Amino acid sequence: MTLDVLKTGNAAKIVKVEGEGAMRKRLLDMGLTPKTVVKLYKKAPMGDPIEIIVRGYHLTLRLKEARNIHLTELSEDNKR
């Protein structure tokens, strides 16, 4: 699954960050690296952009950017 389909309040672990050139580098520089846990905090009223919590800070992304971040669901042990 990708970050743009994560449900509000759910957390998942990043598996892969896609994209080309500057956009991919920018996502990685913001801390969106593989094995990092992200949580969807909220969505804008029309659904775009979304606000996530990553590495203890809030980050806002457009859905276009969020589609480049592939996730895996956390096991019950990792959700605590």
C-alpha atoms as a PDB file:
ATOM      1  CA  MET A   1       0.000   0.000   0.000  1.00  0.00           C
ATOM      2  CA  THR A   2       1.067   3.620  -0.357  1.00  0.00           C
ATOM      3  CA  LEU A   3       0.859   6.518   2.086  1.00  0.00           C
ATOM      4  CA  ASP A   4      -2.027   8.171   0.229  1.00  0.00           C
ATOM      5  CA  VAL A   5      -4.399   5.287   1.166  1.00  0.00           C
ATOM      6  CA  LEU A   6      -3.443   4.990   4.851  1.00  0.00           C
ATOM      7  CA  LYS A   7      -6.436   5.614   7.133  1.00  0.00           C
ATOM      8  CA  THR A   8      -6.442   8.468   9.649  1.00  0.00           C
ATOM      9  CA  GLY A   9      -4.970   7.364  12.983  1.00  0.00           C
ATOM     10  CA  ASN A  10      -3.212   4.309  11.527  1.00  0.00           C
ATOM     11  CA  ALA A  11       0.538   3.793  11.514  1.00  0.00           C
ATOM     12  CA  ALA A  12       2.730   1.852   9.087  1.00  0.00           C
ATOM     13  CA  LYS A  13       6.398   1.306   8.279  1.00  0.00           C
ATOM     14  CA  ILE A  14       8.004   2.699   5.123  1.00  0.00           C
ATOM     15  CA  VAL A  15       9.328  -0.008   2.815  1.00  0.00           C
ATOM     16  CA  LYS A  16      10.362   1.990  -0.247  1.00  0.00           C
ATOM     17  CA  VAL A  17      10.434   5.591  -1.473  1.00  0.00           C
ATOM     18  CA  GLU A  18       9.971   6.033  -5.214  1.00  0.00           C
ATOM     19  CA  GLY A  19      10.153   9.112  -7.374  1.00  0.00           C
ATOM     20  CA  GLU A  20      12.689  10.828  -9.525  1.00  0.00           C
ATOM     21  CA  GLY A  21      15.497  13.211  -8.807  1.00  0.00           C
ATOM     22  CA  ALA A  22      14.822  16.169  -6.556  1.00  0.00           C
ATOM     23  CA  MET A  23      11.412  14.986  -5.348  1.00  0.00           C
ATOM     24  CA  ARG A  24      12.742  11.632  -4.083  1.00  0.00           C
ATOM     25  CA  LYS A  25      15.740  13.322  -2.463  1.00  0.00           C
ATOM     26  CA  ARG A  26      13.455  15.837  -0.742  1.00  0.00           C
ATOM     27  CA  LEU A  27      11.263  13.062   0.692  1.00  0.00           C
ATOM     28  CA  LEU A  28      14.320  11.215   2.004  1.00  0.00           C
ATOM     29  CA  ASP A  29      15.780  14.434   3.455  1.00  0.00           C
ATOM     30  CA  MET A  30      12.522  15.000   5.367  1.00  0.00           C
ATOM     31  CA  GLY A  31      13.079  11.695   7.174  1.00  0.00           C
ATOM     32  CA  LEU A  32      10.857   9.477   5.045  1.00  0.00           C
ATOM     33  CA  THR A  33      13.346   6.639   4.800  1.00  0.00           C
ATOM     34  CA  PRO A  34      12.798   2.865   4.722  1.00  0.00           C
ATOM     35  CA  LYS A  35      12.059   1.230   8.111  1.00  0.00           C
ATOM     36  CA  THR A  36      10.682   4.513   9.525  1.00  0.00           C
ATOM     37  CA  VAL A  37       7.231   4.414  11.147  1.00  0.00           C
ATOM     38  CA  VAL A  38       4.713   7.030  10.004  1.00  0.00           C
ATOM     39  CA  LYS A  39       1.233   7.781  11.334  1.00  0.00           C
ATOM     40  CA  LEU A  40      -1.516   9.552   9.420  1.00  0.00           C
ATOM     41  CA  TYR A  41      -2.605  12.390  11.699  1.00  0.00           C
ATOM     42  CA  LYS A  42      -5.294  14.029   9.554  1.00  0.00           C
ATOM     43  CA  LYS A  43      -6.475  14.890   6.063  1.00  0.00           C
ATOM     44  CA  ALA A  44      -7.577  18.249   4.710  1.00  0.00           C
ATOM     45  CA  PRO A  45     -11.353  18.600   4.187  1.00  0.00           C
ATOM     46  CA  MET A  46     -11.041  17.790   0.487  1.00  0.00           C
ATOM     47  CA  GLY A  47      -8.488  15.020   1.170  1.00  0.00           C
ATOM     48  CA  ASP A  48      -5.384  16.828  -0.095  1.00  0.00           C
ATOM     49  CA  PRO A  49      -2.935  17.510   1.548  1.00  0.00           C
ATOM     50  CA  ILE A  50      -2.430  15.027   4.378  1.00  0.00           C
ATOM     51  CA  GLU A  51      -0.597  15.525   7.667  1.00  0.00           C
ATOM     52  CA  ILE A  52       1.572  12.725   9.018  1.00  0.00           C
ATOM     53  CA  ILE A  53       3.712  12.225  12.088  1.00  0.00           C
ATOM     54  CA  VAL A  54       7.210  11.015  11.295  1.00  0.00           C
ATOM     55  CA  ARG A  55      10.197  10.931  13.667  1.00  0.00           C
ATOM     56  CA  GLY A  56       8.262  12.967  16.237  1.00  0.00           C
ATOM     57  CA  TYR A  57       7.255  15.900  14.022  1.00  0.00           C
ATOM     58  CA  HIS A  58       4.251  16.777  11.865  1.00  0.00           C
ATOM     59  CA  LEU A  59       4.755  16.868   8.119  1.00  0.00           C
ATOM     60  CA  THR A  60       2.277  17.874   5.416  1.00  0.00           C
ATOM     61  CA  LEU A  61       2.413  16.171   2.011  1.00  0.00           C
ATOM     62  CA  ARG A  62       0.392  16.352  -1.167  1.00  0.00           C
ATOM     63  CA  LEU A  63      -1.260  13.107  -2.261  1.00  0.00           C
ATOM     64  CA  LYS A  64       0.939  13.118  -5.375  1.00  0.00           C
ATOM     65  CA  GLU A  65       4.017  12.934  -3.127  1.00  0.00           C
ATOM     66  CA  ALA A  66       2.416  10.407  -0.746  1.00  0.00           C
ATOM     67  CA  ARG A  67       1.815   7.972  -3.634  1.00  0.00           C
ATOM     68  CA  ASN A  68       5.601   7.514  -3.908  1.00  0.00           C
ATOM     69  CA  ILE A  69       5.915   6.173  -0.352  1.00  0.00           C
ATOM     70  CA  HIS A  70       5.252   2.438  -0.061  1.00  0.00           C
ATOM     71  CA  LEU A  71       4.260   1.053   3.334  1.00  0.00           C
ATOM     72  CA  THR A  72       3.718  -2.170   5.179  1.00  0.00           C
ATOM     73  CA  GLU A  73       1.234  -2.503   8.005  1.00  0.00           C
ATOM     74  CA  LEU A  74       2.637  -2.854  11.495  1.00  0.00           C
ATOM     75  CA  SER A  75       2.142  -6.049  13.463  1.00  0.00           C
ATOM     76  CA  GLU A  76       0.191  -5.791  16.701  1.00  0.00           C
ATOM     77  CA  ASP A  77       3.463  -5.903  18.704  1.00  0.00           C
ATOM     78  CA  ASN A  78       4.874  -2.881  16.868  1.00  0.00           C
ATOM     79  CA  LYS A  79       1.748  -0.729  17.300  1.00  0.00           C
ATOM     80  CA  ARG A  80       2.302  -0.240  21.033  1.00  0.00           C
END
